[in-house]
Amino acid sequence: MTRVIVFAGNCGFSTEIIAEKAKDRKIKIKIESGCEMVMAMAREIDTLDIMIAFKDFLNNPVYKAAALHLKHVACPVPAGILKTLEVEAGLCIPKDVSIRFTKEALDGSNNGWQKTCSRD
């Protein structure tokens, strides 16, 4: 069993994703969230084939369900679902991912893309 918690950000909702191996290359997905849109999406993807990890965005059932139910296209939950599936299927190791807003460039300086993207 693989468990992930996604803290979505400004909406204030957290989502728990649990993936568990089933028969015939299937992964059972259980999702708990305070977000009604995420829960509607979850009903469509309760069992997934491990091969969806290799499908592109337009043909991926997780992203298709997200397109039908989620109003916020930047929601990190669909990616969290796929990461959870990948780990449970043995396709990758569990490693945290993050999106972090910063005023520093990757090299620690205050230059680079900041100057062109800054609102200051």
C-alpha atoms as a PDB file:
ATOM      1  CA  MET A   1       0.000   0.000   0.000  1.00  0.00           C
ATOM      2  CA  THR A   2       1.206   3.491  -0.865  1.00  0.00           C
ATOM      3  CA  ARG A   3      -0.199   6.596   0.848  1.00  0.00           C
ATOM      4  CA  VAL A   4       0.310  10.222  -0.225  1.00  0.00           C
ATOM      5  CA  ILE A   5      -1.030  13.486   1.165  1.00  0.00           C
ATOM      6  CA  VAL A   6      -1.385  16.392  -1.283  1.00  0.00           C
ATOM      7  CA  PHE A   7      -1.591  19.878   0.232  1.00  0.00           C
ATOM      8  CA  ALA A   8      -3.124  21.770  -2.664  1.00  0.00           C
ATOM      9  CA  GLY A   9      -2.371  25.337  -1.592  1.00  0.00           C
ATOM     10  CA  ASN A  10      -4.690  28.336  -1.763  1.00  0.00           C
ATOM     11  CA  CYS A  11      -7.910  26.314  -1.827  1.00  0.00           C
ATOM     12  CA  GLY A  12      -7.031  24.993   1.637  1.00  0.00           C
ATOM     13  CA  PHE A  13      -7.928  21.387   0.830  1.00  0.00           C
ATOM     14  CA  SER A  14      -5.716  18.408   1.548  1.00  0.00           C
ATOM     15  CA  THR A  15      -6.224  15.138  -0.267  1.00  0.00           C
ATOM     16  CA  GLU A  16      -5.208  11.681   0.910  1.00  0.00           C
ATOM     17  CA  ILE A  17      -4.478   9.180  -1.859  1.00  0.00           C
ATOM     18  CA  ILE A  18      -4.067   5.464  -1.149  1.00  0.00           C
ATOM     19  CA  ALA A  19      -3.008   3.031  -3.856  1.00  0.00           C
ATOM     20  CA  GLU A  20      -3.067  -0.724  -3.421  1.00  0.00           C
ATOM     21  CA  LYS A  21      -2.153  -3.475  -5.872  1.00  0.00           C
ATOM     22  CA  ALA A  22      -5.027  -5.593  -7.138  1.00  0.00           C
ATOM     23  CA  LYS A  23      -5.115  -8.407  -9.714  1.00  0.00           C
ATOM     24  CA  ASP A  24      -4.179  -8.221 -13.396  1.00  0.00           C
ATOM     25  CA  ARG A  25      -1.884  -5.165 -13.271  1.00  0.00           C
ATOM     26  CA  LYS A  26      -4.602  -3.074 -11.639  1.00  0.00           C
ATOM     27  CA  ILE A  27      -4.183  -0.560  -8.838  1.00  0.00           C
ATOM     28  CA  LYS A  28      -7.083   0.316  -6.533  1.00  0.00           C
ATOM     29  CA  ILE A  29      -7.187   4.036  -5.768  1.00  0.00           C
ATOM     30  CA  LYS A  30      -8.893   5.439  -2.687  1.00  0.00           C
ATOM     31  CA  ILE A  31      -9.151   9.207  -2.288  1.00  0.00           C
ATOM     32  CA  GLU A  32     -10.350  11.275   0.662  1.00  0.00           C
ATOM     33  CA  SER A  33     -10.682  15.042   0.301  1.00  0.00           C
ATOM     34  CA  GLY A  34     -12.811  17.933   1.447  1.00  0.00           C
ATOM     35  CA  CYS A  35     -12.930  19.091  -2.169  1.00  0.00           C
ATOM     36  CA  GLU A  36     -16.173  18.024  -3.865  1.00  0.00           C
ATOM     37  CA  MET A  37     -14.569  18.280  -7.310  1.00  0.00           C
ATOM     38  CA  VAL A  38     -11.724  15.928  -6.351  1.00  0.00           C
ATOM     39  CA  MET A  39     -14.215  13.470  -4.871  1.00  0.00           C
ATOM     40  CA  ALA A  40     -16.283  13.521  -8.089  1.00  0.00           C
ATOM     41  CA  MET A  41     -13.111  12.822 -10.062  1.00  0.00           C
ATOM     42  CA  ALA A  42     -12.189  10.008  -7.664  1.00  0.00           C
ATOM     43  CA  ARG A  43     -15.381   8.097  -8.425  1.00  0.00           C
ATOM     44  CA  GLU A  44     -14.255   7.708 -12.044  1.00  0.00           C
ATOM     45  CA  ILE A  45     -10.754   6.425 -11.307  1.00  0.00           C
ATOM     46  CA  ASP A  46     -11.169   3.960  -8.434  1.00  0.00           C
ATOM     47  CA  THR A  47      -9.286   1.205 -10.306  1.00  0.00           C
ATOM     48  CA  LEU A  48      -6.505   1.926 -12.770  1.00  0.00           C
ATOM     49  CA  ASP A  49      -4.218  -0.174 -14.949  1.00  0.00           C
ATOM     50  CA  ILE A  50      -0.524   0.405 -14.200  1.00  0.00           C
ATOM     51  CA  MET A  51       0.084   1.213 -17.864  1.00  0.00           C
ATOM     52  CA  ILE A  52      -1.699   4.566 -17.528  1.00  0.00           C
ATOM     53  CA  ALA A  53       1.559   5.826 -16.058  1.00  0.00           C
ATOM     54  CA  PHE A  54       2.841   5.815 -19.641  1.00  0.00           C
ATOM     55  CA  LYS A  55      -0.129   7.508 -21.310  1.00  0.00           C
ATOM     56  CA  ASP A  56       0.112  11.114 -22.433  1.00  0.00           C
ATOM     57  CA  PHE A  57      -1.970  13.894 -20.890  1.00  0.00           C
ATOM     58  CA  LEU A  58      -4.726  13.832 -23.497  1.00  0.00           C
ATOM     59  CA  ASN A  59      -5.271  10.072 -23.244  1.00  0.00           C
ATOM     60  CA  ASN A  60      -4.616   9.571 -19.548  1.00  0.00           C
ATOM     61  CA  PRO A  61      -7.775   8.591 -17.607  1.00  0.00           C
ATOM     62  CA  VAL A  62      -6.658  10.573 -14.543  1.00  0.00           C
ATOM     63  CA  TYR A  63      -6.277  13.777 -16.540  1.00  0.00           C
ATOM     64  CA  LYS A  64      -9.476  13.070 -18.487  1.00  0.00           C
ATOM     65  CA  ALA A  65     -11.384  12.768 -15.194  1.00  0.00           C
ATOM     66  CA  ALA A  66      -9.662  15.924 -13.931  1.00  0.00           C
ATOM     67  CA  ALA A  67     -10.738  17.807 -17.061  1.00  0.00           C
ATOM     68  CA  LEU A  68     -14.349  16.813 -16.406  1.00  0.00           C
ATOM     69  CA  HIS A  69     -14.477  17.665 -12.711  1.00  0.00           C
ATOM     70  CA  LEU A  70     -11.760  20.112 -11.643  1.00  0.00           C
ATOM     71  CA  LYS A  71     -12.240  23.835 -12.233  1.00  0.00           C
ATOM     72  CA  HIS A  72      -8.660  24.729 -11.293  1.00  0.00           C
ATOM     73  CA  VAL A  73      -6.264  23.424 -13.957  1.00  0.00           C
ATOM     74  CA  ALA A  74      -3.228  23.912 -11.721  1.00  0.00           C
ATOM     75  CA  CYS A  75      -4.581  21.512  -9.076  1.00  0.00           C
ATOM     76  CA  PRO A  76      -1.708  19.185  -8.042  1.00  0.00           C
ATOM     77  CA  VAL A  77      -3.992  16.267  -7.106  1.00  0.00           C
ATOM     78  CA  PRO A  78      -3.971  14.506 -10.531  1.00  0.00           C
ATOM     79  CA  ALA A  79      -0.158  14.434 -10.532  1.00  0.00           C
ATOM     80  CA  GLY A  80      -0.275  13.144  -6.950  1.00  0.00           C
ATOM     81  CA  ILE A  81      -2.575  10.303  -8.018  1.00  0.00           C
ATOM     82  CA  LEU A  82      -0.203   9.281 -10.792  1.00  0.00           C
ATOM     83  CA  LYS A  83       2.859   9.503  -8.523  1.00  0.00           C
ATOM     84  CA  THR A  84       1.102   7.299  -5.971  1.00  0.00           C
ATOM     85  CA  LEU A  85       0.217   4.757  -8.665  1.00  0.00           C
ATOM     86  CA  GLU A  86       3.806   4.723  -9.972  1.00  0.00           C
ATOM     87  CA  VAL A  87       5.242   3.950  -6.553  1.00  0.00           C
ATOM     88  CA  GLU A  88       2.668   1.247  -5.771  1.00  0.00           C
ATOM     89  CA  ALA A  89       3.301  -0.365  -9.166  1.00  0.00           C
ATOM     90  CA  GLY A  90       7.054  -0.376  -8.549  1.00  0.00           C
ATOM     91  CA  LEU A  91       7.746   2.025 -11.413  1.00  0.00           C
ATOM     92  CA  CYS A  92       9.600   4.549  -9.250  1.00  0.00           C
ATOM     93  CA  ILE A  93      10.790   5.072  -5.701  1.00  0.00           C
ATOM     94  CA  PRO A  94       8.839   7.219  -3.236  1.00  0.00           C
ATOM     95  CA  LYS A  95      10.293  10.712  -3.405  1.00  0.00           C
ATOM     96  CA  ASP A  96       8.559  13.933  -2.351  1.00  0.00           C
ATOM     97  CA  VAL A  97       7.845  16.531  -5.001  1.00  0.00           C
ATOM     98  CA  SER A  98       7.220  20.209  -4.375  1.00  0.00           C
ATOM     99  CA  ILE A  99       6.344  23.528  -5.903  1.00  0.00           C
ATOM    100  CA  ARG A 100       7.908  26.354  -3.971  1.00  0.00           C
ATOM    101  CA  PHE A 101       7.680  30.071  -4.598  1.00  0.00           C
ATOM    102  CA  THR A 102      10.979  31.839  -4.072  1.00  0.00           C
ATOM    103  CA  LYS A 103      12.696  35.135  -4.765  1.00  0.00           C
ATOM    104  CA  GLU A 104      16.073  33.464  -5.299  1.00  0.00           C
ATOM    105  CA  ALA A 105      17.383  31.778  -8.453  1.00  0.00           C
ATOM    106  CA  LEU A 106      18.506  28.147  -8.287  1.00  0.00           C
ATOM    107  CA  ASP A 107      22.102  29.276  -7.708  1.00  0.00           C
ATOM    108  CA  GLY A 108      21.008  31.332  -4.658  1.00  0.00           C
ATOM    109  CA  SER A 109      21.441  34.683  -6.350  1.00  0.00           C
ATOM    110  CA  ASN A 110      18.761  37.314  -6.802  1.00  0.00           C
ATOM    111  CA  ASN A 111      19.230  37.511 -10.559  1.00  0.00           C
ATOM    112  CA  GLY A 112      18.219  35.471 -13.568  1.00  0.00           C
ATOM    113  CA  TRP A 113      14.559  34.940 -14.329  1.00  0.00           C
ATOM    114  CA  GLN A 114      13.488  36.907 -11.247  1.00  0.00           C
ATOM    115  CA  LYS A 115      14.245  40.219 -12.941  1.00  0.00           C
ATOM    116  CA  THR A 116      12.030  39.433 -15.908  1.00  0.00           C
ATOM    117  CA  CYS A 117       9.197  37.812 -13.945  1.00  0.00           C
ATOM    118  CA  SER A 118       9.161  40.058 -10.903  1.00  0.00           C
ATOM    119  CA  ARG A 119       6.124  42.203 -10.134  1.00  0.00           C
ATOM    120  CA  ASP A 120       8.343  44.772  -8.398  1.00  0.00           C
END
